[in-house]
């Protein structure tokens, strides 16, 4: 394990806790909850969208959401703690990526949930095999590519936080003064706590901002507790309850999505290493991709979709100055508990979107700034400027105008459906094709 540099001449941020530092248990819980709040929407949105698209009943939909939370907790713990050759042993939150929505709906419409879970497990085996061949992939990620990818992760997520701040996509009161006012109030509270607070107050600024926002939204009538009352107290995943369908037809639509997430995982782990101030060696990255495969395999068994690294949580590391993997290990444990107790999960699920938007703008902006910091150490000659400009241009272009690729074949559209994957692939190709001056 590489030693953590808590302060260098190259870095402007002094970490309070490095990767292997172990905060007190209370701080682990608070900072773990902070990561959960930041990731929770992303974890549950995929099963919600798929359930709606496939017309699943409320009971099945609730079971899928609980399984997704539970699987994310197990995968997060394994990735952060590390078990033998499995796990990058960094502060990484895992969950189901939106990349898998299209193939899951396509497979589910023909083969049902048994086909989705069969494809999840079969695809996970492919990821595990590919994790042993990460070394050649690592050579494709010099600082010019890493910095561009990290910057893109933050920039492509900013529209999401703006939508949250406005009230959520499709909301009848989208952009209302109340929604924007709450978001800006929470953003201001978070900034002041992070900059002027000391110790735990500064580190937990995101969580404190969310809790304050939650409390503010209750008297404003922005929270309904009806879904909490309807949720059960205890729920266990029913393994194999929907059956498993193993065949090539269910696997094929999932293969492009798995390749995209492998590239995304390499980029995310390098970004986490960058902001955690540790070296990105192929052994650590390979172990992280291996953990992706194991997490997805277990997810299929538990009745959930594939798991991969969550980019939105990267911003918490430089913002809180806490890179400890013990914090995300605690987050994994808490996610498992939330997956078993749907009523507690429902309390987090009803978090008003403007509250998430207020803290999201700060978090995702911080990720983009970390990418810019990496690029500032790269020689900005004509070649490198072309790589940065084209990658960010196409990445943001697909993010802001997704209809740009609407006429492409489905397999190609799936690969380039994410601004992060588009920008990453472009940066990788240009780095190879454009020769050094």
Foldseek 3Di string as FASTA:
>chain_A
DFDFDQDDPLDPFGFPAFAARDDPPVLLQLLLVLLCLLCVCVQLVLLVLLCVLLVPDPVVSLLQSLLQLQLQLVLLLCQQPPDVLAHLNWQFGKGDHPLCNVLLNVQCNPPNLQLQLQLLQVLLVVLLVCLVVCQVVVVLCDLLLLLLLLLLLLVLCLVVLLCLLQFHPPDPSGNPPVSVVLLQVLLVQLVCQLPVNDDSSNLSSLVVSLVVSQVVVVVVVLFDLPVLVVFAFFDAQDFCPVHHDHDPVSNVSCNLSSVLLLLVQLSQVCLLCLLSRHDDDSSSSSSQSNSQSVSSNVSSRRSYHGMGTDNLSSLSCSRSSHTYSSSSSSSSVVSSVCSGTVSVSVVSVRRGSSSSSNVSNNSSVSSSVSSVSSCVPPPPDPLSVVLSCVLSVQLVVCSVCVCVCVPPPPSVSSQVNHSSSSSSVSSSVSVVVPDDD
